[in-house]
Amino acid sequence: TAIATDPQQRAVEVSIVEEKGDRTLHHIKILPKVIGSYTVTIAWNGVITPGSPFKFNAIDPSRCIVSQFPKGSIPLRQMLNFTVDTNMAGISSLIVMVTENHNKPVEMKVITASNNISEYCYETKKIGTICFDIFFGENLLN
């Protein structure tokens, strides 16, 4: 059996799928409906499974807000400042990568971060193509 609760400690529907092969596997499926921390308790023949309860965070990357980001060209040696607000998206890692002229991507450092709003700063040093990739969790933001 599996019992799951949402961030407000309300019961969440759980389905258990059995996969038979060399050994039988059981997959537990949960469809989170709200952002936040979920708890799943698993028992086999009435005995709580070691490591249970398990916790995970449900996130919604579409709720991340990138602001102050310019469109088009950026003049050489100009500072580019932008923020990423993850307040409404849940709790997860935020990584910003910059790639210059198709070279190896480099992770950008956060200038300031408070209340789930992170500020980044980049100075254009060379003429060419600059690409920024922003990841929330493992999800690339568009």
N, C-alpha and C. Protein backbone atom coordinates (compact mmCIF):
# COMPACT_ATOMS: atom_id res chain seq x y z
N THR A 1 0.84 -1.19 0.00
CA THR A 1 0.00 0.00 0.00
C THR A 1 0.88 1.24 0.00
N ALA A 2 0.31 2.32 -0.50
CA ALA A 2 1.01 3.60 -0.51
C ALA A 2 0.02 4.70 -0.15
N ILE A 3 0.46 5.58 0.71
CA ILE A 3 -0.36 6.72 1.13
C ILE A 3 0.45 7.98 0.86
N ALA A 4 -0.16 8.95 0.19
CA ALA A 4 0.53 10.20 -0.13
C ALA A 4 -0.27 11.38 0.38
N THR A 5 0.45 12.42 0.79
CA THR A 5 -0.19 13.66 1.22
C THR A 5 0.46 14.84 0.52
N ASP A 6 -0.34 15.86 0.28
CA ASP A 6 0.14 17.07 -0.40
C ASP A 6 0.69 18.05 0.64
N PRO A 7 1.13 19.25 0.22
CA PRO A 7 1.71 20.21 1.17
C PRO A 7 0.77 20.62 2.31
N GLN A 8 -0.54 20.50 2.10
CA GLN A 8 -1.51 20.84 3.16
C GLN A 8 -1.92 19.60 3.95
N GLN A 9 -1.18 18.50 3.79
CA GLN A 9 -1.43 17.23 4.48
C GLN A 9 -2.74 16.57 4.08
N ARG A 10 -3.26 16.90 2.89
CA ARG A 10 -4.46 16.26 2.36
C ARG A 10 -4.05 15.00 1.60
N ALA A 11 -4.91 13.98 1.65
CA ALA A 11 -4.64 12.74 0.92
C ALA A 11 -4.60 12.99 -0.57
N VAL A 12 -3.68 12.31 -1.25
CA VAL A 12 -3.51 12.43 -2.70
C VAL A 12 -3.73 11.04 -3.30
N GLU A 13 -4.39 11.01 -4.46
CA GLU A 13 -4.63 9.73 -5.13
C GLU A 13 -3.31 9.11 -5.56
N VAL A 14 -3.18 7.81 -5.28
CA VAL A 14 -1.97 7.06 -5.61
C VAL A 14 -2.38 5.85 -6.44
N SER A 15 -1.62 5.56 -7.50
CA SER A 15 -1.85 4.32 -8.23
C SER A 15 -0.57 3.50 -8.17
N ILE A 16 -0.74 2.20 -8.06
CA ILE A 16 0.40 1.29 -8.00
C ILE A 16 0.32 0.39 -9.23
N VAL A 17 1.40 0.39 -10.01
CA VAL A 17 1.46 -0.40 -11.22
C VAL A 17 2.48 -1.51 -11.01
N GLU A 18 2.08 -2.74 -11.28
CA GLU A 18 2.96 -3.90 -11.12
C GLU A 18 3.60 -4.24 -12.45
N GLU A 19 4.91 -4.43 -12.43
CA GLU A 19 5.65 -4.81 -13.65
C GLU A 19 6.33 -6.14 -13.38
N LYS A 20 5.94 -7.14 -14.14
CA LYS A 20 6.52 -8.48 -13.94
C LYS A 20 7.62 -8.73 -14.96
N GLY A 21 8.67 -9.34 -14.50
CA GLY A 21 9.80 -9.70 -15.34
C GLY A 21 10.61 -10.73 -14.58
N ASP A 22 11.95 -10.58 -14.58
CA ASP A 22 12.79 -11.47 -13.77
C ASP A 22 12.40 -11.36 -12.30
N ARG A 23 11.99 -10.16 -11.94
CA ARG A 23 11.47 -9.91 -10.58
C ARG A 23 10.32 -8.93 -10.72
N THR A 24 9.46 -8.92 -9.76
CA THR A 24 8.29 -8.05 -9.84
C THR A 24 8.65 -6.68 -9.26
N LEU A 25 8.34 -5.63 -10.02
CA LEU A 25 8.56 -4.24 -9.58
C LEU A 25 7.20 -3.58 -9.41
N HIS A 26 7.13 -2.69 -8.45
CA HIS A 26 5.91 -1.91 -8.23
C HIS A 26 6.26 -0.44 -8.41
N HIS A 27 5.54 0.23 -9.30
CA HIS A 27 5.74 1.66 -9.55
C HIS A 27 4.59 2.42 -8.90
N ILE A 28 4.94 3.45 -8.17
CA ILE A 28 3.93 4.28 -7.52
C ILE A 28 3.81 5.57 -8.32
N LYS A 29 2.59 5.89 -8.71
CA LYS A 29 2.35 7.09 -9.52
C LYS A 29 1.47 8.07 -8.75
N ILE A 30 1.91 9.33 -8.77
CA ILE A 30 1.18 10.42 -8.11
C ILE A 30 1.16 11.58 -9.07
N LEU A 31 0.02 12.23 -9.21
CA LEU A 31 -0.08 13.43 -10.04
C LEU A 31 -0.27 14.63 -9.10
N PRO A 32 0.82 15.37 -8.84
CA PRO A 32 0.71 16.54 -7.96
C PRO A 32 -0.21 17.60 -8.57
N LYS A 33 -1.04 18.19 -7.75
CA LYS A 33 -1.96 19.23 -8.23
C LYS A 33 -1.61 20.61 -7.70
N VAL A 34 -0.76 20.66 -6.68
CA VAL A 34 -0.30 21.95 -6.15
C VAL A 34 1.22 21.89 -5.97
N ILE A 35 1.83 23.05 -5.95
CA ILE A 35 3.28 23.16 -5.75
C ILE A 35 3.59 22.96 -4.27
N GLY A 36 4.68 22.27 -3.99
CA GLY A 36 5.12 22.12 -2.61
C GLY A 36 5.64 20.74 -2.29
N SER A 37 5.78 20.46 -1.00
CA SER A 37 6.38 19.23 -0.50
C SER A 37 5.33 18.14 -0.29
N TYR A 38 5.58 17.00 -0.91
CA TYR A 38 4.69 15.84 -0.79
C TYR A 38 5.39 14.75 0.01
N THR A 39 4.59 13.93 0.69
CA THR A 39 5.11 12.80 1.46
C THR A 39 4.42 11.53 0.99
N VAL A 40 5.21 10.47 0.78
CA VAL A 40 4.67 9.17 0.37
C VAL A 40 5.17 8.12 1.36
N THR A 41 4.22 7.44 1.98
CA THR A 41 4.54 6.35 2.90
C THR A 41 4.17 5.03 2.22
N ILE A 42 5.13 4.10 2.18
CA ILE A 42 4.93 2.83 1.51
C ILE A 42 5.04 1.70 2.52
N ALA A 43 4.09 0.78 2.45
CA ALA A 43 4.11 -0.41 3.31
C ALA A 43 3.95 -1.66 2.46
N TRP A 44 4.65 -2.72 2.84
CA TRP A 44 4.55 -4.01 2.16
C TRP A 44 4.13 -5.04 3.19
N ASN A 45 2.97 -5.67 2.96
CA ASN A 45 2.41 -6.63 3.92
C ASN A 45 2.28 -6.00 5.31
N GLY A 46 1.90 -4.73 5.36
CA GLY A 46 1.68 -4.05 6.63
C GLY A 46 2.92 -3.51 7.30
N VAL A 47 4.09 -3.72 6.70
CA VAL A 47 5.36 -3.25 7.28
C VAL A 47 5.85 -2.06 6.48
N ILE A 48 6.14 -0.97 7.18
CA ILE A 48 6.64 0.25 6.52
C ILE A 48 7.98 -0.06 5.85
N THR A 49 8.10 0.34 4.59
CA THR A 49 9.31 0.13 3.80
C THR A 49 10.46 0.97 4.36
N PRO A 50 11.69 0.40 4.46
CA PRO A 50 12.84 1.19 4.94
C PRO A 50 13.01 2.46 4.09
N GLY A 51 13.27 3.56 4.77
CA GLY A 51 13.43 4.86 4.10
C GLY A 51 12.13 5.63 3.99
N SER A 52 11.02 4.95 4.21
CA SER A 52 9.70 5.57 4.12
C SER A 52 9.44 6.36 5.42
N PRO A 53 8.82 7.50 5.39
CA PRO A 53 8.19 8.12 4.23
C PRO A 53 9.21 8.82 3.33
N PHE A 54 8.88 8.87 2.04
CA PHE A 54 9.71 9.54 1.05
C PHE A 54 9.11 10.91 0.79
N LYS A 55 9.96 11.89 0.53
CA LYS A 55 9.48 13.26 0.28
C LYS A 55 9.98 13.73 -1.08
N PHE A 56 9.15 14.54 -1.73
CA PHE A 56 9.59 15.18 -2.98
C PHE A 56 8.88 16.53 -3.10
N ASN A 57 9.49 17.41 -3.88
CA ASN A 57 8.90 18.73 -4.14
C ASN A 57 8.30 18.77 -5.53
N ALA A 58 7.05 19.20 -5.62
CA ALA A 58 6.42 19.44 -6.91
C ALA A 58 6.68 20.90 -7.28
N ILE A 59 7.12 21.12 -8.52
CA ILE A 59 7.43 22.47 -8.99
C ILE A 59 6.66 22.75 -10.27
N ASP A 60 6.60 24.05 -10.63
CA ASP A 60 5.99 24.45 -11.89
C ASP A 60 6.90 25.49 -12.55
N PRO A 61 7.86 25.03 -13.39
CA PRO A 61 8.82 25.95 -14.02
C PRO A 61 8.16 27.06 -14.83
N SER A 62 6.94 26.84 -15.33
CA SER A 62 6.27 27.87 -16.12
C SER A 62 5.95 29.11 -15.29
N ARG A 63 6.04 29.00 -13.98
CA ARG A 63 5.76 30.14 -13.10
C ARG A 63 7.01 30.96 -12.76
N CYS A 64 8.17 30.57 -13.29
CA CYS A 64 9.39 31.37 -13.11
C CYS A 64 9.27 32.63 -13.97
N ILE A 65 9.73 33.75 -13.43
CA ILE A 65 9.65 35.02 -14.16
C ILE A 65 11.07 35.55 -14.36
N VAL A 66 11.45 35.70 -15.63
CA VAL A 66 12.74 36.31 -15.96
C VAL A 66 12.45 37.74 -16.38
N SER A 67 13.07 38.69 -15.68
CA SER A 67 12.77 40.09 -15.99
C SER A 67 14.05 40.88 -16.28
N GLN A 68 13.86 42.03 -16.88
CA GLN A 68 14.93 42.95 -17.24
C GLN A 68 15.88 42.34 -18.26
N PHE A 69 15.39 41.36 -19.01
CA PHE A 69 16.25 40.70 -20.00
C PHE A 69 16.05 41.39 -21.34
N PRO A 70 17.13 41.96 -21.92
CA PRO A 70 16.99 42.70 -23.18
C PRO A 70 16.75 41.78 -24.37
N LYS A 71 16.10 42.31 -25.36
CA LYS A 71 15.87 41.56 -26.61
C LYS A 71 16.82 42.11 -27.67
N GLY A 72 17.30 41.24 -28.54
CA GLY A 72 18.14 41.68 -29.64
C GLY A 72 19.60 41.80 -29.27
N SER A 73 20.27 42.82 -29.81
CA SER A 73 21.71 43.00 -29.65
C SER A 73 22.06 43.68 -28.33
N ILE A 74 23.27 43.36 -27.86
CA ILE A 74 23.81 43.98 -26.65
C ILE A 74 25.14 44.63 -27.03
N PRO A 75 25.32 45.92 -26.76
CA PRO A 75 26.59 46.58 -27.08
C PRO A 75 27.77 45.95 -26.34
N LEU A 76 28.93 45.95 -26.98
CA LEU A 76 30.16 45.42 -26.40
C LEU A 76 30.48 46.14 -25.10
N ARG A 77 30.95 45.41 -24.11
CA ARG A 77 31.35 45.89 -22.79
C ARG A 77 30.19 46.52 -21.99
N GLN A 78 29.01 46.19 -22.34
CA GLN A 78 27.86 46.67 -21.57
C GLN A 78 27.47 45.60 -20.56
N MET A 79 27.09 46.04 -19.35
CA MET A 79 26.65 45.12 -18.32
C MET A 79 25.19 44.74 -18.57
N LEU A 80 24.94 43.48 -18.57
CA LEU A 80 23.58 42.96 -18.74
C LEU A 80 23.13 42.43 -17.38
N ASN A 81 22.09 43.05 -16.81
CA ASN A 81 21.55 42.62 -15.53
C ASN A 81 20.15 42.06 -15.76
N PHE A 82 19.85 40.94 -15.11
CA PHE A 82 18.50 40.39 -15.17
C PHE A 82 18.23 39.61 -13.89
N THR A 83 16.95 39.38 -13.61
CA THR A 83 16.56 38.64 -12.42
C THR A 83 15.71 37.44 -12.82
N VAL A 84 15.73 36.42 -11.96
CA VAL A 84 14.87 35.25 -12.11
C VAL A 84 14.11 35.10 -10.79
N ASP A 85 12.80 35.20 -10.87
CA ASP A 85 11.92 35.12 -9.70
C ASP A 85 11.25 33.74 -9.71
N THR A 86 11.53 32.95 -8.67
CA THR A 86 10.96 31.59 -8.58
C THR A 86 9.92 31.47 -7.46
N ASN A 87 9.45 32.60 -6.93
CA ASN A 87 8.51 32.59 -5.81
C ASN A 87 7.29 31.71 -6.03
N MET A 88 6.70 31.77 -7.21
CA MET A 88 5.46 31.05 -7.48
C MET A 88 5.69 29.66 -8.09
N ALA A 89 6.98 29.30 -8.30
CA ALA A 89 7.30 28.07 -9.02
C ALA A 89 7.61 26.88 -8.12
N GLY A 90 7.85 27.11 -6.84
CA GLY A 90 8.22 26.03 -5.93
C GLY A 90 9.68 26.11 -5.56
N ILE A 91 10.16 25.07 -4.90
CA ILE A 91 11.54 25.05 -4.41
C ILE A 91 12.35 24.06 -5.24
N SER A 92 13.38 24.57 -5.91
CA SER A 92 14.27 23.72 -6.70
C SER A 92 15.54 24.50 -6.99
N SER A 93 16.49 23.84 -7.64
CA SER A 93 17.74 24.52 -7.99
C SER A 93 17.53 25.43 -9.19
N LEU A 94 18.28 26.53 -9.22
CA LEU A 94 18.25 27.48 -10.33
C LEU A 94 19.67 27.60 -10.87
N ILE A 95 19.84 27.32 -12.15
CA ILE A 95 21.16 27.39 -12.77
C ILE A 95 21.03 28.21 -14.05
N VAL A 96 21.93 29.18 -14.23
CA VAL A 96 21.97 29.98 -15.45
C VAL A 96 23.32 29.72 -16.12
N MET A 97 23.25 29.28 -17.38
CA MET A 97 24.45 28.99 -18.16
C MET A 97 24.57 30.02 -19.29
N VAL A 98 25.80 30.45 -19.58
CA VAL A 98 26.03 31.35 -20.70
C VAL A 98 27.03 30.69 -21.65
N THR A 99 26.74 30.80 -22.95
CA THR A 99 27.63 30.25 -23.97
C THR A 99 27.98 31.38 -24.93
N GLU A 100 29.29 31.59 -25.12
CA GLU A 100 29.77 32.63 -26.04
C GLU A 100 30.31 31.97 -27.30
N ASN A 101 29.83 32.41 -28.44
CA ASN A 101 30.35 31.97 -29.73
C ASN A 101 30.49 30.45 -29.84
N HIS A 102 29.48 29.73 -29.35
CA HIS A 102 29.41 28.27 -29.45
C HIS A 102 30.50 27.56 -28.68
N ASN A 103 31.13 28.23 -27.70
CA ASN A 103 32.13 27.58 -26.85
C ASN A 103 31.42 26.78 -25.76
N LYS A 104 32.17 26.23 -24.84
CA LYS A 104 31.61 25.44 -23.75
C LYS A 104 30.79 26.35 -22.83
N PRO A 105 29.58 25.91 -22.44
CA PRO A 105 28.75 26.73 -21.52
C PRO A 105 29.43 26.89 -20.16
N VAL A 106 29.24 28.06 -19.57
CA VAL A 106 29.80 28.37 -18.25
C VAL A 106 28.66 28.79 -17.34
N GLU A 107 28.66 28.27 -16.10
CA GLU A 107 27.62 28.64 -15.16
C GLU A 107 27.85 30.07 -14.65
N MET A 108 26.77 30.86 -14.64
CA MET A 108 26.86 32.23 -14.14
C MET A 108 26.71 32.22 -12.62
N LYS A 109 27.37 33.15 -11.97
CA LYS A 109 27.27 33.30 -10.52
C LYS A 109 26.16 34.29 -10.19
N VAL A 110 25.46 34.03 -9.11
CA VAL A 110 24.39 34.91 -8.65
C VAL A 110 25.04 36.12 -7.99
N ILE A 111 24.56 37.33 -8.35
CA ILE A 111 25.07 38.56 -7.73
C ILE A 111 24.40 38.75 -6.37
N THR A 112 23.08 38.71 -6.35
CA THR A 112 22.32 38.78 -5.09
C THR A 112 21.16 37.80 -5.19
N ALA A 113 20.74 37.32 -4.03
CA ALA A 113 19.58 36.43 -3.98
C ALA A 113 18.86 36.64 -2.66
N SER A 114 17.57 36.93 -2.75
CA SER A 114 16.74 37.03 -1.55
C SER A 114 15.29 36.82 -1.93
N ASN A 115 14.55 36.20 -1.04
CA ASN A 115 13.13 35.94 -1.26
C ASN A 115 12.87 35.25 -2.59
N ASN A 116 13.71 34.29 -2.95
CA ASN A 116 13.57 33.51 -4.19
C ASN A 116 13.68 34.35 -5.45
N ILE A 117 14.34 35.50 -5.36
CA ILE A 117 14.63 36.33 -6.54
C ILE A 117 16.16 36.41 -6.65
N SER A 118 16.68 35.92 -7.77
CA SER A 118 18.13 35.90 -7.99
C SER A 118 18.50 36.90 -9.07
N GLU A 119 19.54 37.69 -8.81
CA GLU A 119 20.00 38.68 -9.79
C GLU A 119 21.31 38.22 -10.40
N TYR A 120 21.40 38.36 -11.72
CA TYR A 120 22.59 37.97 -12.45
C TYR A 120 23.12 39.17 -13.23
N CYS A 121 24.44 39.16 -13.47
CA CYS A 121 25.07 40.25 -14.21
C CYS A 121 26.10 39.63 -15.17
N TYR A 122 26.10 40.14 -16.41
CA TYR A 122 27.01 39.63 -17.42
C TYR A 122 27.54 40.79 -18.24
N GLU A 123 28.85 40.79 -18.50
CA GLU A 123 29.45 41.83 -19.34
C GLU A 123 29.85 41.21 -20.68
N THR A 124 29.36 41.79 -21.76
CA THR A 124 29.74 41.30 -23.09
C THR A 124 31.19 41.69 -23.35
N LYS A 125 32.03 40.69 -23.65
CA LYS A 125 33.46 40.94 -23.82
C LYS A 125 33.92 40.76 -25.24
N LYS A 126 33.16 39.99 -26.03
CA LYS A 126 33.54 39.72 -27.42
C LYS A 126 32.34 39.91 -28.32
N ILE A 127 32.63 40.24 -29.56
CA ILE A 127 31.56 40.32 -30.56
C ILE A 127 31.23 38.89 -30.97
N GLY A 128 29.95 38.59 -31.08
CA GLY A 128 29.54 37.26 -31.49
C GLY A 128 28.20 36.88 -30.89
N THR A 129 27.96 35.59 -30.87
CA THR A 129 26.69 35.07 -30.38
C THR A 129 26.80 34.72 -28.90
N ILE A 130 25.81 35.16 -28.14
CA ILE A 130 25.75 34.84 -26.72
C ILE A 130 24.41 34.15 -26.47
N CYS A 131 24.46 33.03 -25.78
CA CYS A 131 23.24 32.27 -25.49
C CYS A 131 23.14 32.05 -23.98
N PHE A 132 21.97 32.34 -23.43
CA PHE A 132 21.70 32.11 -22.01
C PHE A 132 20.70 30.97 -21.88
N ASP A 133 21.01 29.97 -21.06
CA ASP A 133 20.09 28.88 -20.76
C ASP A 133 19.80 28.93 -19.27
N ILE A 134 18.52 28.97 -18.91
CA ILE A 134 18.11 29.06 -17.52
C ILE A 134 17.38 27.76 -17.18
N PHE A 135 17.87 27.06 -16.15
CA PHE A 135 17.28 25.80 -15.72
C PHE A 135 16.69 25.95 -14.33
N PHE A 136 15.46 25.51 -14.16
CA PHE A 136 14.82 25.43 -12.86
C PHE A 136 14.56 23.96 -12.61
N GLY A 137 15.21 23.39 -11.59
CA GLY A 137 15.22 21.94 -11.47
C GLY A 137 16.02 21.44 -12.65
N GLU A 138 15.52 20.51 -13.38
CA GLU A 138 16.18 20.03 -14.59
C GLU A 138 15.47 20.54 -15.83
N ASN A 139 14.61 21.55 -15.66
CA ASN A 139 13.78 22.04 -16.75
C ASN A 139 14.34 23.32 -17.35
N LEU A 140 14.52 23.31 -18.66
CA LEU A 140 14.99 24.50 -19.37
C LEU A 140 13.82 25.45 -19.54
N LEU A 141 14.00 26.70 -19.07
CA LEU A 141 12.94 27.71 -19.22
C LEU A 141 12.98 28.28 -20.62
N ASN A 142 11.84 28.57 -21.17
CA ASN A 142 11.75 29.17 -22.52
C ASN A 142 11.66 30.68 -22.41
